[in-house]
Structures are given as C-alpha cells and as structure tokens.
N, C-alpha and C. Protein backbone atom coordinates (compact mmCIF):
# COMPACT_ATOMS: atom_id res chain seq x y z
N MET A 1 8.80 15.08 3.77
CA MET A 1 8.95 15.66 2.53
C MET A 1 8.96 17.36 2.81
N VAL A 2 9.88 17.95 2.19
CA VAL A 2 10.00 19.40 2.31
C VAL A 2 9.04 20.12 1.15
N ARG A 3 8.21 20.98 1.61
CA ARG A 3 7.23 21.72 0.68
C ARG A 3 7.70 23.11 0.57
N CYS A 4 7.61 23.66 -0.77
CA CYS A 4 7.97 24.97 -0.85
C CYS A 4 6.89 25.78 -0.71
N ALA A 5 7.25 27.12 -0.19
CA ALA A 5 5.97 28.03 0.15
C ALA A 5 5.49 28.58 -1.11
N GLY A 6 6.27 28.71 -2.14
CA GLY A 6 5.79 29.21 -3.45
C GLY A 6 4.75 28.34 -4.16
N ALA A 7 3.58 28.80 -4.29
CA ALA A 7 2.62 28.01 -5.03
C ALA A 7 2.74 28.20 -6.58
N GLY A 8 3.63 27.71 -7.09
CA GLY A 8 3.87 27.81 -8.62
C GLY A 8 3.61 26.41 -9.26
N THR A 9 3.93 26.12 -10.43
CA THR A 9 3.68 24.97 -11.23
C THR A 9 4.44 23.84 -10.36
N ARG A 10 5.61 24.20 -9.93
CA ARG A 10 6.55 23.14 -9.31
C ARG A 10 5.79 22.71 -7.99
N GLY A 11 5.34 23.60 -7.40
CA GLY A 11 4.60 23.16 -6.03
C GLY A 11 3.45 22.29 -6.23
N THR A 12 2.67 22.63 -7.33
CA THR A 12 1.54 21.80 -7.76
C THR A 12 2.02 20.43 -8.07
N VAL A 13 3.05 20.36 -8.85
CA VAL A 13 3.69 19.00 -9.27
C VAL A 13 4.04 18.20 -8.00
N MET A 14 4.81 18.88 -7.13
CA MET A 14 5.10 18.28 -5.85
C MET A 14 4.07 17.67 -5.19
N THR A 15 2.95 18.59 -5.00
CA THR A 15 1.71 18.00 -4.26
C THR A 15 1.14 16.77 -4.89
N VAL A 16 1.08 16.78 -6.28
CA VAL A 16 0.46 15.65 -6.87
C VAL A 16 1.44 14.41 -6.59
N LEU A 17 2.80 14.71 -6.75
CA LEU A 17 3.69 13.53 -6.42
C LEU A 17 3.47 13.01 -5.04
N ASP A 18 3.27 13.97 -4.09
CA ASP A 18 3.08 13.47 -2.68
C ASP A 18 1.94 12.69 -2.62
N VAL A 19 0.68 13.09 -3.34
CA VAL A 19 -0.46 12.35 -3.23
C VAL A 19 -0.36 10.89 -3.78
N LEU A 20 0.31 10.92 -4.97
CA LEU A 20 0.76 9.60 -5.75
C LEU A 20 1.50 8.65 -4.96
N MET A 21 2.58 9.22 -4.12
CA MET A 21 3.36 8.47 -3.27
C MET A 21 2.58 7.85 -2.08
N ASN A 22 1.79 8.69 -1.58
CA ASN A 22 0.86 8.43 -0.40
C ASN A 22 -0.14 7.20 -0.83
N ILE A 23 -0.72 7.31 -2.00
CA ILE A 23 -1.58 6.33 -2.58
C ILE A 23 -0.73 5.01 -2.80
N ALA A 24 0.55 5.12 -3.37
CA ALA A 24 1.30 3.97 -3.65
C ALA A 24 1.71 3.26 -2.37
N ALA A 25 1.96 3.96 -1.30
CA ALA A 25 2.31 3.51 -0.03
C ALA A 25 1.19 2.65 0.53
N VAL A 26 0.07 3.27 0.52
CA VAL A 26 -1.16 2.54 1.05
C VAL A 26 -1.48 1.37 0.34
N ILE A 27 -1.48 1.39 -1.06
CA ILE A 27 -1.65 0.22 -1.90
C ILE A 27 -0.65 -0.84 -1.42
N GLY A 28 0.68 -0.45 -1.34
CA GLY A 28 1.68 -1.41 -1.12
C GLY A 28 1.53 -2.06 0.36
N GLY A 29 1.12 -1.16 1.26
CA GLY A 29 0.84 -1.64 2.54
C GLY A 29 -0.30 -2.73 2.59
N VAL A 30 -1.45 -2.44 1.78
CA VAL A 30 -2.46 -3.37 1.74
C VAL A 30 -2.13 -4.62 1.06
N VAL A 31 -1.24 -4.58 0.04
CA VAL A 31 -0.83 -5.85 -0.68
C VAL A 31 0.01 -6.69 0.15
N LEU A 32 0.94 -5.88 1.01
CA LEU A 32 1.90 -6.79 1.84
C LEU A 32 0.95 -7.39 3.00
N PHE A 33 -0.07 -6.60 3.47
CA PHE A 33 -0.90 -7.18 4.59
C PHE A 33 -1.60 -8.42 4.03
N LEU A 34 -2.13 -8.38 2.82
CA LEU A 34 -2.92 -9.49 2.26
C LEU A 34 -1.98 -10.67 2.03
N MET A 35 -0.76 -10.38 1.53
CA MET A 35 0.23 -11.43 1.35
C MET A 35 0.49 -12.08 2.61
N LEU A 36 0.92 -11.48 3.73
CA LEU A 36 1.18 -11.85 5.09
C LEU A 36 -0.12 -12.83 5.50
N LEU A 37 -1.36 -12.36 5.28
CA LEU A 37 -2.47 -12.98 5.67
C LEU A 37 -2.80 -14.20 4.97
N THR A 38 -2.41 -14.39 3.62
CA THR A 38 -2.47 -15.45 2.90
C THR A 38 -1.45 -16.50 3.31
N ILE A 39 -0.35 -16.02 3.49
CA ILE A 39 0.73 -17.00 4.03
C ILE A 39 0.46 -17.63 5.37
N ALA A 40 -0.15 -16.82 6.11
CA ALA A 40 -0.65 -17.24 7.48
C ALA A 40 -1.64 -18.20 7.51
N ALA A 41 -2.65 -18.08 6.45
CA ALA A 41 -3.79 -18.81 6.39
C ALA A 41 -3.68 -20.11 5.59
N LEU A 42 -2.58 -20.19 4.89
CA LEU A 42 -2.40 -21.35 4.01
C LEU A 42 -2.44 -22.70 4.77
N PRO A 43 -1.72 -22.88 5.91
CA PRO A 43 -1.80 -24.13 6.67
C PRO A 43 -3.33 -24.38 7.20
N LEU A 44 -3.95 -23.32 7.50
CA LEU A 44 -5.31 -23.54 7.99
C LEU A 44 -6.18 -23.93 6.83
N LEU A 45 -5.94 -23.35 5.69
CA LEU A 45 -6.83 -23.69 4.39
C LEU A 45 -6.59 -25.11 4.11
N GLN A 46 -5.19 -25.57 4.13
CA GLN A 46 -5.01 -26.89 3.81
C GLN A 46 -5.65 -27.91 4.71
N GLU A 47 -5.55 -27.68 6.09
CA GLU A 47 -6.31 -28.60 7.04
C GLU A 47 -7.79 -28.60 6.78
N TRP A 48 -8.31 -27.46 6.43
CA TRP A 48 -9.80 -27.28 6.20
C TRP A 48 -10.06 -28.11 4.97
N GLY A 49 -9.35 -28.11 3.94
CA GLY A 49 -9.51 -28.97 2.79
C GLY A 49 -9.43 -30.41 2.90
N GLU A 50 -8.49 -30.83 3.83
CA GLU A 50 -8.24 -32.09 4.21
C GLU A 50 -9.54 -32.70 4.93
N GLN A 51 -10.09 -31.91 5.82
CA GLN A 51 -11.12 -32.40 6.55
C GLN A 51 -12.42 -32.55 5.72
N ARG A 52 -12.68 -31.79 4.80
CA ARG A 52 -13.97 -31.83 4.01
C ARG A 52 -13.97 -33.34 3.27
C-alpha cells in the first residue's frame, strides 16, 4: 500500500482502511484455517463416533 506523506483527512481515512483491511485479512485467514482444520478432522471425528 502506498501511503501519502500529507497527514490530512485522506491520510487518516487511508490508515483506517489499512487497519480494517488488515483485520479482515486476519479474520479471513483464521476462518480459512478453521475450515481446513474441520475438513481434515471430519474423518477422525466420524471414526471416533463409530468407536463409541
């Protein structure tokens, strides 16, 4: 991301957008990780359920 040196209202908005994008990226990464973990654990959970 290119940041402007001028600390005006636009600079503040860009910083807020950067923070929001970073938060969204982190949340997206966590959700993807959890989905992959769930998909990988499904067969194990099914086996465990059958054994009980």
